[in-house]
Amino acid sequence: MKKKATHLLKTRYLLAVGLFLSFVFVVFFVSAAMVNIIQSTVTILPFPAPINLTATAVSDSKINLSWDVSPDAVAYKLYRDDVFIATAVTNSYPDTGLTANTTYTYKVSAVNEFGGYSEQSDPASATTLGGVVPPPGDRIPPVISNVRAINITDISAVITWDTNENATSIVEYGLTTSYEIGSGSSGELVLSHSIPLSGLTPDTEYHFHVLSRDGAGNLAASGDYVFRTLKLPTAFMNLRAVPEKRLPKTGNNSTILRVRVFESGTDNLLADKTVTTDLNGYGSSIELEGLTAPQVCDFLLKGYSHLDYRKNNITVDSAGTLIDFSEDYTKFLKAGDVNGASGDNYVNGLDLSVLANHIYSDDYRSDLNQDQIVNGLEFGIAVTNLYKWGDF
């Protein structure tokens, strides 16, 4: 009986150990499978493959690659003839150390912040220069002269030069003399050369040099040159506003106005200006320092005794956009807000009381029609606008 009990205990023990080991195995297997699934998900997380890959041969041992920036990409994997060669952090790459007169095919894949990567791009191919043996008697390269950067804007420039014989056109450029950004080229044999550069950064200095190869294969290269792109154009505004709602109307529309400029749809103040309008409600052109053109803005207008008036979603440009608050004289900036140091953006009995305290004075703020005296005309204007709020 005792042996039977002992055997039963051993059996239960072995069964428990077996169940425990089975549980550990299942947990380990499931965990490993989940890790593989997560890793696979991260690795193949789909997002767009790079597009517009181009390959340009610039010498007998160098091909420049460029492509469009991919959304969500933090780096790019580059493949030459289906073999990984490098990782780039920008949308361009100079592939060097190549063999002359050889065709190479490239693809690029985008990498996101999680380590996932896109499908490879469509291929792009280029053939390195060289392999041309100049015939006897023609081993002299072209002579390069008159290298210039012209038509410079904030984002583009044109590089021009001359050669003494027909030759190809190549420009390499960058922020340093490594010319790491890229190149532009033309295989046409010409005497006057012109290569446009685009996609540049405003107010930035660029290094460049030019190369030309004649029909016999002789290559000439210039020294280093430098140009700087222009700053972004500054926005200007022109103002037109008919300030006071008068009863009766006096014909004197001149007044000092405060104009605040906001980033469209926000309370982010971009500029705060003061302007004096002329008798027809026009103000002088105002430079909005720090605002590049074109720019979409909201405008808030207020005179000394006026209610706020806002106009939204107006595009200002470098030519001087007209901001017309008068709306063809059918709507005026409403006057009468004279209570308090800067008004409360509301015309009510408190404003009438302030006008009464300044009756027959020349108080500038209470002089709503700007005729150098506070009298019954001011009360008429204020009563007309009684209980009006700003942004009317």
Protein backbone atom coordinates (compact mmCIF):
# COMPACT_ATOMS: atom_id res chain seq x y z
CA MET A 1 0.00 0.00 0.00
CA LYS A 2 2.90 2.30 0.89
CA LYS A 3 4.67 1.47 -2.42
CA LYS A 4 1.52 2.26 -4.33
CA ALA A 5 1.21 5.69 -2.68
CA THR A 6 4.84 6.46 -3.38
CA HIS A 7 4.42 5.46 -7.02
CA LEU A 8 1.36 7.68 -7.29
CA LEU A 9 3.28 10.66 -5.89
CA LYS A 10 6.12 10.10 -8.36
CA THR A 11 3.65 9.92 -11.21
CA ARG A 12 2.00 13.17 -10.17
CA TYR A 13 5.38 14.84 -9.78
CA LEU A 14 6.52 13.77 -13.24
CA LEU A 15 3.20 14.87 -14.68
CA ALA A 16 3.57 18.34 -13.06
CA VAL A 17 7.12 18.69 -14.32
CA GLY A 18 5.99 17.72 -17.82
CA LEU A 19 3.16 20.22 -17.77
CA PHE A 20 5.48 22.96 -16.53
CA LEU A 21 8.05 22.26 -19.24
CA SER A 22 5.29 22.20 -21.86
CA PHE A 23 4.04 25.59 -20.58
CA VAL A 24 7.57 27.05 -20.73
CA PHE A 25 8.01 25.73 -24.27
CA VAL A 26 4.68 27.18 -25.42
CA VAL A 27 5.43 30.58 -23.84
CA PHE A 28 8.90 30.65 -25.42
CA PHE A 29 7.56 29.60 -28.83
CA VAL A 30 4.71 32.13 -28.79
CA SER A 31 7.02 34.93 -27.59
CA ALA A 32 9.55 34.18 -30.33
CA ALA A 33 6.77 34.08 -32.90
CA MET A 34 5.39 37.43 -31.68
CA VAL A 35 8.88 38.99 -31.85
CA ASN A 36 9.27 37.70 -35.40
CA ILE A 37 5.84 39.04 -36.34
CA ILE A 38 6.61 42.47 -34.81
CA GLN A 39 10.02 42.60 -36.44
CA SER A 40 8.56 41.56 -39.76
CA THR A 41 5.83 44.17 -39.42
CA VAL A 42 8.38 46.90 -38.66
CA THR A 43 10.65 45.76 -41.46
CA ILE A 44 8.03 45.68 -44.17
CA LEU A 45 5.90 48.53 -42.88
CA PRO A 46 4.61 49.90 -46.19
CA PHE A 47 5.26 53.46 -47.28
CA PRO A 48 5.96 54.93 -50.71
CA ALA A 49 9.09 53.97 -52.61
CA PRO A 50 11.27 56.90 -53.76
CA ILE A 51 10.41 58.27 -57.20
CA ASN A 52 12.19 60.14 -60.02
CA LEU A 53 15.57 58.55 -59.42
CA THR A 54 18.11 59.96 -61.88
CA ALA A 55 21.71 58.94 -62.52
CA THR A 56 24.12 61.38 -64.20
CA ALA A 57 27.68 60.52 -65.18
CA VAL A 58 29.97 63.48 -64.48
CA SER A 59 33.38 61.89 -65.03
CA ASP A 60 35.03 58.60 -65.90
CA SER A 61 34.76 57.47 -62.26
CA LYS A 62 31.75 59.29 -60.79
CA ILE A 63 27.95 59.16 -61.18
CA ASN A 64 25.68 61.54 -59.27
CA LEU A 65 22.32 60.20 -58.04
CA SER A 66 19.27 62.21 -57.01
CA TRP A 67 15.60 61.49 -56.31
CA ASP A 68 12.50 63.11 -54.81
CA VAL A 69 12.22 63.31 -51.03
CA SER A 70 10.03 60.47 -49.68
CA PRO A 71 7.43 61.24 -46.97
CA ASP A 72 8.40 59.84 -43.52
CA ALA A 73 11.88 58.85 -44.74
CA VAL A 74 14.88 59.48 -42.45
CA ALA A 75 17.46 57.77 -44.67
CA TYR A 76 17.84 55.96 -47.98
CA LYS A 77 19.51 52.66 -48.95
CA LEU A 78 21.33 52.72 -52.29
CA TYR A 79 21.90 49.74 -54.54
CA ARG A 80 24.25 49.49 -57.51
CA ASP A 81 23.50 46.58 -59.84
CA ASP A 82 21.28 45.10 -57.07
CA VAL A 83 24.10 45.22 -54.49
CA PHE A 84 23.80 47.51 -51.45
CA ILE A 85 26.51 50.21 -51.55
CA ALA A 86 25.62 52.96 -49.06
CA THR A 87 23.09 54.72 -46.84
CA ALA A 88 22.32 58.39 -47.55
CA VAL A 89 20.55 60.86 -45.25
CA THR A 90 19.63 63.27 -48.07
CA ASN A 91 17.97 62.70 -51.44
CA SER A 92 21.25 62.72 -53.38
CA TYR A 93 24.45 60.68 -53.46
CA PRO A 94 27.75 60.86 -55.40
CA ASP A 95 28.92 57.35 -56.36
CA THR A 96 32.68 57.45 -56.91
CA GLY A 97 35.54 55.05 -57.66
CA LEU A 98 33.80 53.64 -60.73
CA THR A 99 35.28 52.17 -63.89
CA ALA A 100 35.45 54.32 -67.03
CA ASN A 101 33.06 53.71 -69.90
CA THR A 102 30.91 51.33 -67.80
CA THR A 103 27.13 51.26 -67.37
CA TYR A 104 25.75 51.04 -63.85
CA THR A 105 22.13 50.58 -62.74
CA TYR A 106 20.87 52.00 -59.46
CA LYS A 107 17.85 51.63 -57.18
CA VAL A 108 17.02 53.35 -53.90
CA SER A 109 14.84 52.36 -50.94
CA ALA A 110 13.52 54.71 -48.22
CA VAL A 111 14.00 53.96 -44.50
CA ASN A 112 11.60 55.28 -41.86
CA GLU A 113 12.24 56.14 -38.19
CA PHE A 114 11.23 52.62 -37.07
CA GLY A 115 13.83 50.96 -39.27
CA GLY A 116 11.25 49.86 -41.79
CA TYR A 117 11.99 50.28 -45.46
CA SER A 118 10.02 50.82 -48.64
CA GLU A 119 10.09 48.89 -51.86
CA GLN A 120 12.95 49.78 -54.17
CA SER A 121 12.49 52.57 -56.68
CA ASP A 122 12.38 52.17 -60.41
CA PRO A 123 15.92 51.71 -61.75
CA ALA A 124 18.08 54.44 -63.27
CA SER A 125 21.22 53.81 -65.31
CA ALA A 126 24.21 55.85 -66.45
CA THR A 127 27.49 55.15 -68.21
CA THR A 128 30.68 56.66 -66.87
CA LEU A 129 32.69 58.84 -69.19
CA GLY A 130 36.10 57.95 -70.54
CA GLY A 131 37.40 55.07 -72.56
CA VAL A 132 37.95 57.42 -75.49
CA VAL A 133 41.51 57.49 -76.79
CA PRO A 134 42.19 60.83 -78.47
CA PRO A 135 43.43 60.45 -82.01
CA PRO A 136 47.05 61.42 -82.74
CA GLY A 137 47.49 65.18 -82.78
CA ASP A 138 44.37 65.95 -80.63
CA ARG A 139 45.27 65.64 -76.98
CA ILE A 140 44.49 69.22 -76.01
CA PRO A 141 41.41 69.77 -73.79
CA PRO A 142 39.05 72.70 -74.33
CA VAL A 143 39.92 76.08 -72.83
CA ILE A 144 37.23 77.23 -70.37
CA SER A 145 36.58 80.97 -69.91
CA ASN A 146 33.98 83.48 -68.73
CA VAL A 147 32.54 81.28 -65.97
CA ARG A 148 29.63 83.08 -64.34
CA ALA A 149 26.56 82.54 -62.17
CA ILE A 150 23.68 84.65 -63.55
CA ASN A 151 19.92 85.05 -63.08
CA ILE A 152 20.34 84.30 -59.38
CA THR A 153 17.10 84.14 -57.36
CA ASP A 154 16.31 82.86 -53.88
CA ILE A 155 16.00 79.27 -55.18
CA SER A 156 17.76 79.10 -58.55
CA ALA A 157 20.70 80.22 -60.67
CA VAL A 158 22.12 79.69 -64.16
CA ILE A 159 25.78 78.78 -64.68
CA THR A 160 27.34 79.92 -67.98
CA TRP A 161 30.79 79.66 -69.57
CA ASP A 162 32.55 79.55 -72.93
CA THR A 163 34.98 77.09 -74.53
CA ASN A 164 37.29 77.61 -77.48
CA GLU A 165 35.95 74.48 -79.20
CA ASN A 166 32.69 72.56 -79.19
CA ALA A 167 32.38 70.58 -75.98
CA THR A 168 29.87 69.12 -73.48
CA SER A 169 28.55 70.99 -70.42
CA ILE A 170 28.77 69.76 -66.80
CA VAL A 171 28.31 71.69 -63.54
CA GLU A 172 28.99 70.18 -60.12
CA TYR A 173 27.88 72.17 -57.06
CA GLY A 174 27.46 71.99 -53.30
CA LEU A 175 28.01 73.80 -50.03
CA THR A 176 31.71 72.90 -50.11
CA THR A 177 34.38 72.23 -52.72
CA SER A 178 33.37 68.56 -52.56
CA TYR A 179 30.35 69.59 -54.67
CA GLU A 180 28.29 67.12 -52.67
CA ILE A 181 24.80 68.28 -53.65
CA GLY A 182 24.73 67.22 -57.30
CA SER A 183 25.27 68.23 -60.88
CA GLY A 184 23.64 69.33 -64.11
CA SER A 185 24.84 68.41 -67.56
CA SER A 186 24.25 68.45 -71.30
CA GLY A 187 25.89 66.18 -73.83
CA GLU A 188 25.48 68.64 -76.71
CA LEU A 189 28.77 69.91 -78.16
CA VAL A 190 28.61 73.73 -78.02
CA LEU A 191 30.82 76.79 -77.60
CA SER A 192 28.54 78.72 -75.21
CA HIS A 193 27.38 76.69 -72.21
CA SER A 194 24.40 77.23 -69.91
CA ILE A 195 23.19 74.91 -67.12
CA PRO A 196 20.30 75.90 -64.81
CA LEU A 197 20.36 74.98 -61.11
CA SER A 198 17.10 74.79 -59.15
CA GLY A 199 15.83 73.75 -55.72
CA LEU A 200 18.40 75.93 -53.95
CA THR A 201 18.08 77.38 -50.44
CA PRO A 202 17.56 81.15 -50.01
CA ASP A 203 20.46 83.29 -48.73
CA THR A 204 22.97 80.41 -49.06
CA GLU A 205 26.50 80.32 -50.46
CA TYR A 206 27.21 77.62 -53.07
CA HIS A 207 30.50 76.37 -54.54
CA PHE A 208 30.64 75.11 -58.12
CA HIS A 209 32.97 74.26 -60.94
CA VAL A 210 32.39 73.45 -64.60
CA LEU A 211 33.72 70.70 -66.86
CA SER A 212 33.71 70.33 -70.66
CA ARG A 213 34.79 67.43 -72.84
CA ASP A 214 35.48 67.86 -76.55
CA GLY A 215 34.59 65.40 -79.31
CA ALA A 216 37.99 63.71 -79.01
CA GLY A 217 37.43 62.92 -75.34
CA ASN A 218 39.72 65.58 -73.85
CA LEU A 219 38.30 66.83 -70.53
CA ALA A 220 38.82 70.31 -69.04
CA ALA A 221 37.78 71.45 -65.54
CA SER A 222 37.60 74.96 -64.14
CA GLY A 223 38.62 76.15 -60.72
CA ASP A 224 36.17 76.72 -57.86
CA TYR A 225 33.57 79.52 -58.05
CA VAL A 226 31.08 80.81 -55.51
CA PHE A 227 27.65 82.48 -55.64
CA ARG A 228 25.00 83.29 -53.02
CA THR A 229 21.24 82.93 -53.51
CA LEU A 230 19.00 85.89 -52.74
CA LYS A 231 17.03 86.34 -49.56
CA LEU A 232 13.30 85.67 -49.74
CA PRO A 233 11.34 88.73 -50.92
CA THR A 234 9.79 90.89 -48.20
CA ALA A 235 6.03 91.40 -48.13
CA PHE A 236 4.54 94.90 -48.45
CA MET A 237 1.01 96.12 -47.79
CA ASN A 238 -0.93 99.19 -48.89
CA LEU A 239 -3.90 100.25 -46.78
CA ARG A 240 -7.20 101.85 -47.64
CA ALA A 241 -9.78 102.58 -44.93
CA VAL A 242 -12.60 105.07 -44.41
CA PRO A 243 -12.26 105.60 -40.66
CA GLU A 244 -15.29 107.27 -39.01
CA LYS A 245 -18.97 106.55 -39.47
CA ARG A 246 -20.16 110.17 -39.43
CA LEU A 247 -23.52 111.79 -38.97
CA PRO A 248 -23.35 114.19 -40.70
CA LYS A 249 -20.30 113.22 -42.79
CA THR A 250 -17.62 115.94 -42.66
CA GLY A 251 -15.42 114.85 -45.56
CA ASN A 252 -12.23 114.63 -43.46
CA ASN A 253 -11.16 110.99 -43.58
CA SER A 254 -7.57 111.35 -42.37
CA THR A 255 -6.76 109.48 -39.17
CA ILE A 256 -4.05 107.45 -37.43
CA LEU A 257 -4.69 103.72 -37.49
CA ARG A 258 -3.06 100.71 -35.88
CA VAL A 259 -2.73 97.64 -38.13
CA ARG A 260 -1.87 94.25 -36.63
CA VAL A 261 -0.96 91.36 -38.92
CA PHE A 262 -1.50 87.75 -37.82
CA GLU A 263 -0.60 84.39 -39.26
CA SER A 264 -3.78 83.30 -41.01
CA GLY A 265 -6.22 81.50 -38.72
CA THR A 266 -4.10 82.01 -35.58
CA ASP A 267 -3.30 84.60 -32.90
CA ASN A 268 0.39 84.56 -33.86
CA LEU A 269 1.25 88.25 -34.30
CA LEU A 270 3.58 88.83 -37.28
CA ALA A 271 3.64 92.64 -37.42
CA ASP A 272 2.24 95.65 -35.56
CA LYS A 273 2.20 98.90 -37.58
CA THR A 274 0.87 102.45 -37.32
CA VAL A 275 -0.23 104.31 -40.45
CA THR A 276 -1.82 107.70 -41.15
CA THR A 277 -4.40 107.66 -43.93
CA ASP A 278 -4.88 110.54 -46.32
CA LEU A 279 -8.13 112.40 -47.05
CA ASN A 280 -9.30 109.56 -49.28
CA GLY A 281 -8.57 106.89 -46.70
CA TYR A 282 -5.29 105.67 -48.24
CA GLY A 283 -2.20 104.91 -46.21
CA SER A 284 1.41 104.65 -47.36
CA SER A 285 3.01 101.38 -48.41
CA ILE A 286 4.30 99.50 -45.37
CA GLU A 287 7.12 96.96 -45.34
CA LEU A 288 6.27 93.93 -43.21
CA GLU A 289 9.77 93.07 -42.00
CA GLY A 290 10.38 89.38 -41.48
CA LEU A 291 7.42 88.36 -43.65
CA THR A 292 8.38 86.63 -46.87
CA ALA A 293 6.22 87.05 -49.93
CA PRO A 294 3.77 85.74 -50.80
CA GLN A 295 2.14 85.19 -47.38
CA VAL A 296 -1.48 84.61 -46.32
CA CYS A 297 -2.38 86.77 -43.31
CA ASP A 298 -5.24 88.09 -41.18
CA PHE A 299 -5.42 91.85 -40.55
CA LEU A 300 -6.87 93.73 -37.58
CA LEU A 301 -7.46 97.49 -37.93
CA LYS A 302 -8.20 99.97 -35.15
CA GLY A 303 -8.03 103.75 -34.80
CA TYR A 304 -7.83 105.69 -31.52
CA SER A 305 -11.59 105.59 -30.99
CA HIS A 306 -12.62 102.81 -33.37
CA LEU A 307 -13.92 99.32 -32.97
CA ASP A 308 -11.71 96.48 -34.16
CA TYR A 309 -12.26 95.43 -37.75
CA ARG A 310 -10.74 92.19 -39.06
CA LYS A 311 -10.16 90.95 -42.59
CA ASN A 312 -8.93 87.37 -43.00
CA ASN A 313 -7.09 85.22 -45.53
CA ILE A 314 -5.44 88.01 -47.53
CA THR A 315 -2.32 87.19 -49.54
CA VAL A 316 0.35 89.90 -49.41
CA ASP A 317 3.17 89.98 -51.96
CA SER A 318 6.36 91.91 -52.62
CA ALA A 319 4.59 94.34 -54.95
CA GLY A 320 2.44 95.82 -52.17
CA THR A 321 -0.99 94.21 -51.76
CA LEU A 322 -3.89 96.64 -51.23
CA ILE A 323 -5.74 95.85 -47.98
CA ASP A 324 -9.05 97.63 -48.54
CA PHE A 325 -11.07 98.06 -45.36
CA SER A 326 -13.42 100.59 -46.98
CA GLU A 327 -15.29 98.09 -49.16
CA ASP A 328 -16.17 100.73 -51.73
CA TYR A 329 -17.32 103.22 -49.07
CA THR A 330 -20.32 101.06 -48.13
CA LYS A 331 -18.78 100.03 -44.82
CA PHE A 332 -16.83 102.28 -42.47
CA LEU A 333 -14.63 101.76 -39.44
CA LYS A 334 -17.06 102.54 -36.64
CA ALA A 335 -15.98 105.27 -34.20
CA GLY A 336 -17.12 106.05 -30.65
CA ASP A 337 -15.10 103.65 -28.49
CA VAL A 338 -13.51 106.32 -26.26
CA ASN A 339 -13.89 104.73 -22.82
CA GLY A 340 -10.63 103.56 -21.23
CA ALA A 341 -7.01 103.83 -22.31
CA SER A 342 -7.48 101.63 -25.36
CA GLY A 343 -11.24 101.22 -25.45
CA ASP A 344 -13.28 98.14 -24.66
CA ASN A 345 -14.24 97.36 -28.28
CA TYR A 346 -17.87 98.33 -27.52
CA VAL A 347 -19.84 101.57 -27.88
CA ASN A 348 -22.26 102.20 -25.00
CA GLY A 349 -23.31 104.82 -22.41
CA LEU A 350 -19.82 104.94 -20.89
CA ASP A 351 -18.49 106.34 -24.15
CA LEU A 352 -21.22 109.00 -24.26
CA SER A 353 -20.21 110.02 -20.73
CA VAL A 354 -16.55 110.40 -21.79
CA LEU A 355 -17.61 112.56 -24.75
CA ALA A 356 -19.66 114.76 -22.40
CA ASN A 357 -16.61 115.25 -20.16
CA HIS A 358 -14.59 116.46 -23.18
CA ILE A 359 -17.28 118.65 -24.74
CA TYR A 360 -15.86 121.70 -26.57
CA SER A 361 -12.29 120.47 -26.06
CA ASP A 362 -9.82 119.36 -28.73
CA ASP A 363 -9.18 115.97 -27.11
CA TYR A 364 -7.83 113.95 -30.03
CA ARG A 365 -9.40 110.67 -29.09
CA SER A 366 -12.82 112.15 -28.42
CA ASP A 367 -12.69 114.22 -31.60
CA LEU A 368 -14.31 111.47 -33.68
CA ASN A 369 -14.54 113.44 -36.92
CA GLN A 370 -11.09 115.03 -36.52
CA ASP A 371 -12.24 118.65 -36.87
CA GLN A 372 -10.25 119.81 -33.80
CA ILE A 373 -13.29 120.20 -31.51
CA VAL A 374 -15.58 117.86 -29.58
CA ASN A 375 -19.20 118.86 -30.08
CA GLY A 376 -22.60 117.53 -31.04
CA LEU A 377 -21.21 115.87 -34.18
CA GLU A 378 -19.25 113.45 -32.00
CA PHE A 379 -22.40 112.53 -30.10
CA GLY A 380 -24.17 111.93 -33.41
CA ILE A 381 -21.41 109.53 -34.52
CA ALA A 382 -21.38 107.67 -31.20
CA VAL A 383 -25.18 107.36 -31.09
CA THR A 384 -25.17 105.96 -34.66
CA ASN A 385 -22.74 103.27 -33.53
CA LEU A 386 -24.31 102.70 -30.10
CA TYR A 387 -24.19 99.07 -28.93
CA LYS A 388 -21.92 98.08 -31.79
CA TRP A 389 -19.14 95.56 -31.10
CA GLY A 390 -15.76 95.23 -32.77
CA ASP A 391 -15.30 92.92 -35.78
CA PHE A 392 -18.68 94.18 -36.99
